[in-house]
All heavy atoms as atom14 arrays in JSON, in Angstrom:
{
  "sequence": "QQQQQELSAQQAQQLLQAIQEKEKQTQEKVDEKKAAALKS",
  "atom14_mask": [
    [1, 1, 1, 1, 1, 1, 1, 1, 1, 0, 0, 0, 0, 0],
    [1, 1, 1, 1, 1, 1, 1, 1, 1, 0, 0, 0, 0, 0],
    [1, 1, 1, 1, 1, 1, 1, 1, 1, 0, 0, 0, 0, 0],
    [1, 1, 1, 1, 1, 1, 1, 1, 1, 0, 0, 0, 0, 0],
    [1, 1, 1, 1, 1, 1, 1, 1, 1, 0, 0, 0, 0, 0],
    [1, 1, 1, 1, 1, 1, 1, 1, 1, 0, 0, 0, 0, 0],
    [1, 1, 1, 1, 1, 1, 1, 1, 0, 0, 0, 0, 0, 0],
    [1, 1, 1, 1, 1, 1, 0, 0, 0, 0, 0, 0, 0, 0],
    [1, 1, 1, 1, 1, 0, 0, 0, 0, 0, 0, 0, 0, 0],
    [1, 1, 1, 1, 1, 1, 1, 1, 1, 0, 0, 0, 0, 0],
    [1, 1, 1, 1, 1, 1, 1, 1, 1, 0, 0, 0, 0, 0],
    [1, 1, 1, 1, 1, 0, 0, 0, 0, 0, 0, 0, 0, 0],
    [1, 1, 1, 1, 1, 1, 1, 1, 1, 0, 0, 0, 0, 0],
    [1, 1, 1, 1, 1, 1, 1, 1, 1, 0, 0, 0, 0, 0],
    [1, 1, 1, 1, 1, 1, 1, 1, 0, 0, 0, 0, 0, 0],
    [1, 1, 1, 1, 1, 1, 1, 1, 0, 0, 0, 0, 0, 0],
    [1, 1, 1, 1, 1, 1, 1, 1, 1, 0, 0, 0, 0, 0],
    [1, 1, 1, 1, 1, 0, 0, 0, 0, 0, 0, 0, 0, 0],
    [1, 1, 1, 1, 1, 1, 1, 1, 0, 0, 0, 0, 0, 0],
    [1, 1, 1, 1, 1, 1, 1, 1, 1, 0, 0, 0, 0, 0],
    [1, 1, 1, 1, 1, 1, 1, 1, 1, 0, 0, 0, 0, 0],
    [1, 1, 1, 1, 1, 1, 1, 1, 1, 0, 0, 0, 0, 0],
    [1, 1, 1, 1, 1, 1, 1, 1, 1, 0, 0, 0, 0, 0],
    [1, 1, 1, 1, 1, 1, 1, 1, 1, 0, 0, 0, 0, 0],
    [1, 1, 1, 1, 1, 1, 1, 1, 1, 0, 0, 0, 0, 0],
    [1, 1, 1, 1, 1, 1, 1, 0, 0, 0, 0, 0, 0, 0],
    [1, 1, 1, 1, 1, 1, 1, 1, 1, 0, 0, 0, 0, 0],
    [1, 1, 1, 1, 1, 1, 1, 1, 1, 0, 0, 0, 0, 0],
    [1, 1, 1, 1, 1, 1, 1, 1, 1, 0, 0, 0, 0, 0],
    [1, 1, 1, 1, 1, 1, 1, 0, 0, 0, 0, 0, 0, 0],
    [1, 1, 1, 1, 1, 1, 1, 1, 0, 0, 0, 0, 0, 0],
    [1, 1, 1, 1, 1, 1, 1, 1, 1, 0, 0, 0, 0, 0],
    [1, 1, 1, 1, 1, 1, 1, 1, 1, 0, 0, 0, 0, 0],
    [1, 1, 1, 1, 1, 1, 1, 1, 1, 0, 0, 0, 0, 0],
    [1, 1, 1, 1, 1, 0, 0, 0, 0, 0, 0, 0, 0, 0],
    [1, 1, 1, 1, 1, 0, 0, 0, 0, 0, 0, 0, 0, 0],
    [1, 1, 1, 1, 1, 0, 0, 0, 0, 0, 0, 0, 0, 0],
    [1, 1, 1, 1, 1, 1, 1, 1, 0, 0, 0, 0, 0, 0],
    [1, 1, 1, 1, 1, 1, 1, 1, 1, 0, 0, 0, 0, 0],
    [1, 1, 1, 1, 1, 1, 0, 0, 0, 0, 0, 0, 0, 0]
  ],
  "atom14_positions": [
    [[0.83, -1.22, 0.0], [0.0, 0.0, 0.0], [0.86, 1.26, 0.0], [0.56, 2.23, -0.71], [-0.92, -0.02, 1.22], [-1.93, 1.13, 1.24], [-2.87, 1.04, 2.42], [-2.72, 0.15, 3.26], [-3.83, 1.93, 2.49], [0.0, 0.0, 0.0], [0.0, 0.0, 0.0], [0.0, 0.0, 0.0], [0.0, 0.0, 0.0], [0.0, 0.0, 0.0]],
    [[1.94, 1.22, 0.78], [2.85, 2.36, 0.8], [3.52, 2.57, -0.55], [3.66, 3.7, -1.03], [3.9, 2.15, 1.89], [4.84, 3.33, 2.1], [5.8, 3.1, 3.24], [5.76, 2.05, 3.89], [6.66, 4.06, 3.5], [0.0, 0.0, 0.0], [0.0, 0.0, 0.0], [0.0, 0.0, 0.0], [0.0, 0.0, 0.0], [0.0, 0.0, 0.0]],
    [[3.94, 1.43, -1.16], [4.56, 1.53, -2.49], [3.57, 2.09, -3.5], [3.94, 2.91, -4.36], [5.06, 0.15, -2.92], [6.25, -0.35, -2.13], [6.65, -1.75, -2.5], [5.98, -2.39, -3.32], [7.75, -2.24, -1.92], [0.0, 0.0, 0.0], [0.0, 0.0, 0.0], [0.0, 0.0, 0.0], [0.0, 0.0, 0.0], [0.0, 0.0, 0.0]],
    [[2.33, 1.62, -3.4], [1.32, 2.13, -4.33], [1.08, 3.62, -4.13], [0.92, 4.38, -5.08], [0.01, 1.35, -4.15], [0.09, -0.11, -4.63], [-1.17, -0.87, -4.34], [-2.08, -0.36, -3.69], [-1.24, -2.12, -4.83], [0.0, 0.0, 0.0], [0.0, 0.0, 0.0], [0.0, 0.0, 0.0], [0.0, 0.0, 0.0], [0.0, 0.0, 0.0]],
    [[1.07, 4.01, -2.83], [0.89, 5.43, -2.56], [2.06, 6.25, -3.1], [1.88, 7.32, -3.69], [0.73, 5.65, -1.05], [-0.57, 5.11, -0.5], [-0.65, 5.25, 1.01], [0.33, 5.61, 1.65], [-1.83, 4.97, 1.57], [0.0, 0.0, 0.0], [0.0, 0.0, 0.0], [0.0, 0.0, 0.0], [0.0, 0.0, 0.0], [0.0, 0.0, 0.0]],
    [[3.28, 5.73, -2.9], [4.46, 6.43, -3.42], [4.43, 6.48, -4.94], [4.76, 7.49, -5.55], [5.72, 5.72, -2.92], [5.95, 5.85, -1.42], [7.16, 5.06, -0.96], [7.72, 4.32, -1.81], [7.53, 5.16, 0.22], [0.0, 0.0, 0.0], [0.0, 0.0, 0.0], [0.0, 0.0, 0.0], [0.0, 0.0, 0.0], [0.0, 0.0, 0.0]],
    [[4.02, 5.35, -5.54], [3.93, 5.31, -7.01], [2.88, 6.29, -7.52], [3.1, 6.99, -8.52], [3.61, 3.89, -7.46], [3.53, 3.65, -8.97], [4.86, 4.01, -9.63], [3.14, 2.22, -9.28], [0.0, 0.0, 0.0], [0.0, 0.0, 0.0], [0.0, 0.0, 0.0], [0.0, 0.0, 0.0], [0.0, 0.0, 0.0], [0.0, 0.0, 0.0]],
    [[1.77, 6.34, -6.82], [0.72, 7.27, -7.24], [1.19, 8.71, -7.15], [0.92, 9.54, -8.04], [-0.52, 7.06, -6.37], [-1.02, 5.74, -6.53], [0.0, 0.0, 0.0], [0.0, 0.0, 0.0], [0.0, 0.0, 0.0], [0.0, 0.0, 0.0], [0.0, 0.0, 0.0], [0.0, 0.0, 0.0], [0.0, 0.0, 0.0], [0.0, 0.0, 0.0]],
    [[1.92, 9.02, -6.09], [2.45, 10.39, -5.95], [3.45, 10.71, -7.06], [3.47, 11.81, -7.63], [3.11, 10.55, -4.59], [0.0, 0.0, 0.0], [0.0, 0.0, 0.0], [0.0, 0.0, 0.0], [0.0, 0.0, 0.0], [0.0, 0.0, 0.0], [0.0, 0.0, 0.0], [0.0, 0.0, 0.0], [0.0, 0.0, 0.0], [0.0, 0.0, 0.0]],
    [[4.29, 9.72, -7.36], [5.29, 9.91, -8.43], [4.61, 10.07, -9.78], [4.99, 10.93, -10.59], [6.23, 8.71, -8.44], [7.37, 8.82, -9.46], [8.29, 7.63, -9.41], [8.06, 6.69, -8.67], [9.35, 7.66, -10.2], [0.0, 0.0, 0.0], [0.0, 0.0, 0.0], [0.0, 0.0, 0.0], [0.0, 0.0, 0.0], [0.0, 0.0, 0.0]],
    [[3.59, 9.24, -10.01], [2.85, 9.34, -11.27], [2.16, 10.71, -11.38], [2.12, 11.32, -12.46], [1.83, 8.21, -11.36], [2.46, 6.84, -11.57], [1.44, 5.73, -11.55], [0.31, 5.93, -11.1], [1.81, 4.55, -12.04], [0.0, 0.0, 0.0], [0.0, 0.0, 0.0], [0.0, 0.0, 0.0], [0.0, 0.0, 0.0], [0.0, 0.0, 0.0]],
    [[1.61, 11.13, -10.24], [0.94, 12.44, -10.25], [1.94, 13.55, -10.56], [1.64, 14.49, -11.31], [0.27, 12.68, -8.9], [0.0, 0.0, 0.0], [0.0, 0.0, 0.0], [0.0, 0.0, 0.0], [0.0, 0.0, 0.0], [0.0, 0.0, 0.0], [0.0, 0.0, 0.0], [0.0, 0.0, 0.0], [0.0, 0.0, 0.0], [0.0, 0.0, 0.0]],
    [[3.14, 13.43, -9.96], [4.18, 14.44, -10.22], [4.59, 14.42, -11.69], [4.76, 15.48, -12.33], [5.39, 14.16, -9.31], [6.5, 15.18, -9.44], [6.07, 16.57, -8.98], [5.16, 16.68, -8.14], [6.65, 17.61, -9.53], [0.0, 0.0, 0.0], [0.0, 0.0, 0.0], [0.0, 0.0, 0.0], [0.0, 0.0, 0.0], [0.0, 0.0, 0.0]],
    [[4.77, 13.2, -12.23], [5.14, 13.1, -13.64], [4.04, 13.66, -14.55], [4.32, 14.33, -15.54], [5.41, 11.63, -13.97], [6.67, 11.07, -13.32], [6.87, 9.6, -13.59], [5.97, 8.94, -14.13], [8.04, 9.07, -13.22], [0.0, 0.0, 0.0], [0.0, 0.0, 0.0], [0.0, 0.0, 0.0], [0.0, 0.0, 0.0], [0.0, 0.0, 0.0]],
    [[2.8, 13.34, -14.18], [1.69, 13.85, -14.98], [1.64, 15.38, -14.93], [1.41, 16.05, -15.96], [0.37, 13.27, -14.46], [-0.9, 13.69, -15.19], [-0.83, 13.33, -16.68], [-2.13, 13.07, -14.54], [0.0, 0.0, 0.0], [0.0, 0.0, 0.0], [0.0, 0.0, 0.0], [0.0, 0.0, 0.0], [0.0, 0.0, 0.0], [0.0, 0.0, 0.0]],
    [[1.88, 15.92, -13.7], [1.89, 17.38, -13.57], [3.0, 18.0, -14.41], [2.8, 19.02, -15.09], [2.05, 17.76, -12.1], [2.1, 19.25, -11.79], [0.81, 19.94, -12.25], [2.31, 19.47, -10.3], [0.0, 0.0, 0.0], [0.0, 0.0, 0.0], [0.0, 0.0, 0.0], [0.0, 0.0, 0.0], [0.0, 0.0, 0.0], [0.0, 0.0, 0.0]],
    [[4.17, 17.35, -14.34], [5.29, 17.86, -15.16], [4.98, 17.77, -16.64], [5.32, 18.68, -17.42], [6.56, 17.07, -14.83], [7.1, 17.34, -13.44], [8.32, 16.5, -13.12], [8.7, 15.62, -13.91], [8.95, 16.77, -11.98], [0.0, 0.0, 0.0], [0.0, 0.0, 0.0], [0.0, 0.0, 0.0], [0.0, 0.0, 0.0], [0.0, 0.0, 0.0]],
    [[4.33, 16.69, -17.06], [3.97, 16.54, -18.48], [2.98, 17.61, -18.89], [3.08, 18.2, -19.98], [3.39, 15.15, -18.72], [0.0, 0.0, 0.0], [0.0, 0.0, 0.0], [0.0, 0.0, 0.0], [0.0, 0.0, 0.0], [0.0, 0.0, 0.0], [0.0, 0.0, 0.0], [0.0, 0.0, 0.0], [0.0, 0.0, 0.0], [0.0, 0.0, 0.0]],
    [[2.0, 17.91, -18.0], [1.02, 18.95, -18.32], [1.69, 20.31, -18.42], [1.42, 21.11, -19.32], [-0.08, 18.96, -17.25], [-0.91, 17.64, -17.34], [-0.98, 20.16, -17.4], [-1.92, 17.49, -16.23], [0.0, 0.0, 0.0], [0.0, 0.0, 0.0], [0.0, 0.0, 0.0], [0.0, 0.0, 0.0], [0.0, 0.0, 0.0], [0.0, 0.0, 0.0]],
    [[2.58, 20.54, -17.43], [3.28, 21.82, -17.45], [4.15, 21.96, -18.72], [4.23, 23.04, -19.33], [4.16, 21.95, -16.2], [3.35, 22.12, -14.92], [4.22, 22.15, -13.68], [5.4, 21.8, -13.75], [3.63, 22.56, -12.55], [0.0, 0.0, 0.0], [0.0, 0.0, 0.0], [0.0, 0.0, 0.0], [0.0, 0.0, 0.0], [0.0, 0.0, 0.0]],
    [[4.79, 20.87, -19.08], [5.61, 20.91, -20.29], [4.74, 21.13, -21.53], [5.12, 21.9, -22.44], [6.37, 19.58, -20.41], [7.32, 19.5, -21.61], [8.45, 20.51, -21.5], [8.82, 20.87, -20.35], [9.0, 20.91, -22.55], [0.0, 0.0, 0.0], [0.0, 0.0, 0.0], [0.0, 0.0, 0.0], [0.0, 0.0, 0.0], [0.0, 0.0, 0.0]],
    [[3.59, 20.5, -21.55], [2.66, 20.67, -22.68], [2.17, 22.11, -22.74], [2.11, 22.72, -23.84], [1.48, 19.72, -22.5], [0.51, 19.7, -23.68], [1.16, 19.13, -24.91], [0.18, 19.0, -26.04], [0.79, 18.49, -27.28], [0.0, 0.0, 0.0], [0.0, 0.0, 0.0], [0.0, 0.0, 0.0], [0.0, 0.0, 0.0], [0.0, 0.0, 0.0]],
    [[1.87, 22.64, -21.54], [1.41, 24.03, -21.51], [2.53, 24.96, -21.97], [2.28, 25.96, -22.66], [0.97, 24.39, -20.08], [-0.33, 23.71, -19.67], [-0.72, 24.07, -18.26], [0.14, 24.65, -17.54], [-1.87, 23.75, -17.83], [0.0, 0.0, 0.0], [0.0, 0.0, 0.0], [0.0, 0.0, 0.0], [0.0, 0.0, 0.0], [0.0, 0.0, 0.0]],
    [[3.75, 24.65, -21.59], [4.9, 25.46, -22.0], [5.06, 25.44, -23.52], [5.27, 26.49, -24.16], [6.15, 24.96, -21.32], [7.39, 25.77, -21.65], [8.6, 25.23, -20.9], [9.85, 26.01, -21.25], [11.04, 25.47, -20.55], [0.0, 0.0, 0.0], [0.0, 0.0, 0.0], [0.0, 0.0, 0.0], [0.0, 0.0, 0.0], [0.0, 0.0, 0.0]],
    [[4.98, 24.2, -24.04], [5.1, 24.09, -25.5], [3.97, 24.85, -26.21], [4.2, 25.53, -27.23], [5.1, 22.61, -25.91], [6.33, 21.85, -25.44], [6.25, 20.38, -25.76], [5.24, 19.92, -26.32], [7.33, 19.63, -25.43], [0.0, 0.0, 0.0], [0.0, 0.0, 0.0], [0.0, 0.0, 0.0], [0.0, 0.0, 0.0], [0.0, 0.0, 0.0]],
    [[2.79, 24.72, -25.68], [1.65, 25.43, -26.28], [1.85, 26.93, -26.2], [1.57, 27.67, -27.18], [0.36, 25.03, -25.55], [0.19, 23.59, -25.65], [-0.83, 25.71, -26.16], [0.0, 0.0, 0.0], [0.0, 0.0, 0.0], [0.0, 0.0, 0.0], [0.0, 0.0, 0.0], [0.0, 0.0, 0.0], [0.0, 0.0, 0.0], [0.0, 0.0, 0.0]],
    [[2.32, 27.38, -25.04], [2.55, 28.81, -24.87], [3.64, 29.3, -25.83], [3.53, 30.41, -26.4], [2.96, 29.11, -23.41], [3.07, 30.58, -23.1], [1.74, 31.31, -23.26], [0.69, 30.78, -22.88], [1.74, 32.52, -23.83], [0.0, 0.0, 0.0], [0.0, 0.0, 0.0], [0.0, 0.0, 0.0], [0.0, 0.0, 0.0], [0.0, 0.0, 0.0]],
    [[4.67, 28.51, -26.02], [5.74, 28.89, -26.95], [5.19, 29.0, -28.37], [5.55, 29.92, -29.13], [6.86, 27.87, -26.87], [7.66, 27.96, -25.57], [8.74, 26.9, -25.5], [8.74, 26.0, -26.37], [9.58, 26.95, -24.55], [0.0, 0.0, 0.0], [0.0, 0.0, 0.0], [0.0, 0.0, 0.0], [0.0, 0.0, 0.0], [0.0, 0.0, 0.0]],
    [[4.33, 28.08, -28.76], [3.74, 28.14, -30.1], [2.88, 29.38, -30.26], [2.88, 30.05, -31.3], [2.92, 26.88, -30.36], [3.77, 25.64, -30.55], [2.88, 24.42, -30.85], [3.71, 23.17, -31.05], [2.89, 22.0, -31.33], [0.0, 0.0, 0.0], [0.0, 0.0, 0.0], [0.0, 0.0, 0.0], [0.0, 0.0, 0.0], [0.0, 0.0, 0.0]],
    [[2.13, 29.67, -29.19], [1.28, 30.87, -29.25], [2.15, 32.12, -29.39], [1.86, 33.03, -30.16], [0.4, 30.95, -28.0], [-0.32, 32.29, -27.93], [-0.62, 29.82, -28.02], [0.0, 0.0, 0.0], [0.0, 0.0, 0.0], [0.0, 0.0, 0.0], [0.0, 0.0, 0.0], [0.0, 0.0, 0.0], [0.0, 0.0, 0.0], [0.0, 0.0, 0.0]],
    [[3.24, 32.13, -28.61], [4.15, 33.29, -28.67], [4.78, 33.38, -30.06], [4.94, 34.5, -30.6], [5.24, 33.17, -27.6], [4.66, 33.28, -26.19], [3.55, 33.81, -26.06], [5.33, 32.82, -25.21], [0.0, 0.0, 0.0], [0.0, 0.0, 0.0], [0.0, 0.0, 0.0], [0.0, 0.0, 0.0], [0.0, 0.0, 0.0], [0.0, 0.0, 0.0]],
    [[5.14, 32.25, -30.64], [5.73, 32.28, -31.98], [4.73, 32.81, -32.99], [5.08, 33.6, -33.89], [6.19, 30.87, -32.36], [7.41, 30.41, -31.6], [7.8, 29.0, -31.95], [7.08, 28.36, -32.76], [8.83, 28.5, -31.43], [0.0, 0.0, 0.0], [0.0, 0.0, 0.0], [0.0, 0.0, 0.0], [0.0, 0.0, 0.0], [0.0, 0.0, 0.0]],
    [[3.48, 32.39, -32.87], [2.46, 32.87, -33.8], [2.25, 34.37, -33.64], [2.08, 35.12, -34.62], [1.15, 32.13, -33.59], [1.21, 30.68, -34.06], [-0.13, 30.0, -33.85], [-0.1, 28.57, -34.34], [-1.4, 27.89, -34.15], [0.0, 0.0, 0.0], [0.0, 0.0, 0.0], [0.0, 0.0, 0.0], [0.0, 0.0, 0.0], [0.0, 0.0, 0.0]],
    [[2.23, 34.81, -32.39], [2.06, 36.23, -32.17], [3.23, 37.03, -32.77], [3.04, 38.08, -33.38], [1.96, 36.53, -30.66], [0.65, 36.09, -30.05], [0.61, 36.44, -28.58], [-0.69, 36.05, -27.94], [-0.73, 36.42, -26.51], [0.0, 0.0, 0.0], [0.0, 0.0, 0.0], [0.0, 0.0, 0.0], [0.0, 0.0, 0.0], [0.0, 0.0, 0.0]],
    [[4.41, 36.55, -32.57], [5.6, 37.23, -33.11], [5.56, 37.26, -34.63], [5.89, 38.28, -35.28], [6.86, 36.54, -32.6], [0.0, 0.0, 0.0], [0.0, 0.0, 0.0], [0.0, 0.0, 0.0], [0.0, 0.0, 0.0], [0.0, 0.0, 0.0], [0.0, 0.0, 0.0], [0.0, 0.0, 0.0], [0.0, 0.0, 0.0], [0.0, 0.0, 0.0]],
    [[5.13, 36.17, -35.25], [5.06, 36.11, -36.72], [4.0, 37.07, -37.25], [4.2, 37.77, -38.25], [4.74, 34.68, -37.15], [0.0, 0.0, 0.0], [0.0, 0.0, 0.0], [0.0, 0.0, 0.0], [0.0, 0.0, 0.0], [0.0, 0.0, 0.0], [0.0, 0.0, 0.0], [0.0, 0.0, 0.0], [0.0, 0.0, 0.0], [0.0, 0.0, 0.0]],
    [[2.9, 37.13, -36.53], [1.83, 38.05, -36.97], [2.28, 39.49, -36.83], [2.0, 40.34, -37.7], [0.59, 37.79, -36.15], [0.0, 0.0, 0.0], [0.0, 0.0, 0.0], [0.0, 0.0, 0.0], [0.0, 0.0, 0.0], [0.0, 0.0, 0.0], [0.0, 0.0, 0.0], [0.0, 0.0, 0.0], [0.0, 0.0, 0.0], [0.0, 0.0, 0.0]],
    [[2.96, 39.78, -35.78], [3.44, 41.15, -35.58], [4.46, 41.53, -36.66], [4.44, 42.65, -37.2], [4.07, 41.26, -34.18], [4.62, 42.63, -33.82], [3.53, 43.7, -33.88], [5.26, 42.6, -32.45], [0.0, 0.0, 0.0], [0.0, 0.0, 0.0], [0.0, 0.0, 0.0], [0.0, 0.0, 0.0], [0.0, 0.0, 0.0], [0.0, 0.0, 0.0]],
    [[5.32, 40.65, -36.98], [6.32, 40.9, -38.01], [5.66, 41.12, -39.36], [6.06, 41.99, -40.14], [7.29, 39.73, -38.07], [8.44, 39.94, -39.02], [9.4, 38.76, -38.96], [10.56, 38.99, -39.9], [11.51, 37.88, -39.87], [0.0, 0.0, 0.0], [0.0, 0.0, 0.0], [0.0, 0.0, 0.0], [0.0, 0.0, 0.0], [0.0, 0.0, 0.0]],
    [[4.6, 40.36, -39.64], [3.89, 40.51, -40.9], [3.22, 41.86, -40.97], [3.25, 42.52, -42.02], [2.84, 39.39, -41.04], [2.09, 39.56, -42.2], [0.0, 0.0, 0.0], [0.0, 0.0, 0.0], [0.0, 0.0, 0.0], [0.0, 0.0, 0.0], [0.0, 0.0, 0.0], [0.0, 0.0, 0.0], [0.0, 0.0, 0.0], [0.0, 0.0, 0.0]]
  ]
}
């Protein structure tokens, strides 16, 4: 049970990091689009 709890916490942390990374990538794409539009 303790291992499962530790695994669940680790999985949650990894999932959070994956979401944050996805949000970062999305934000970077949005910023790139904004920069391209401004340049145009």
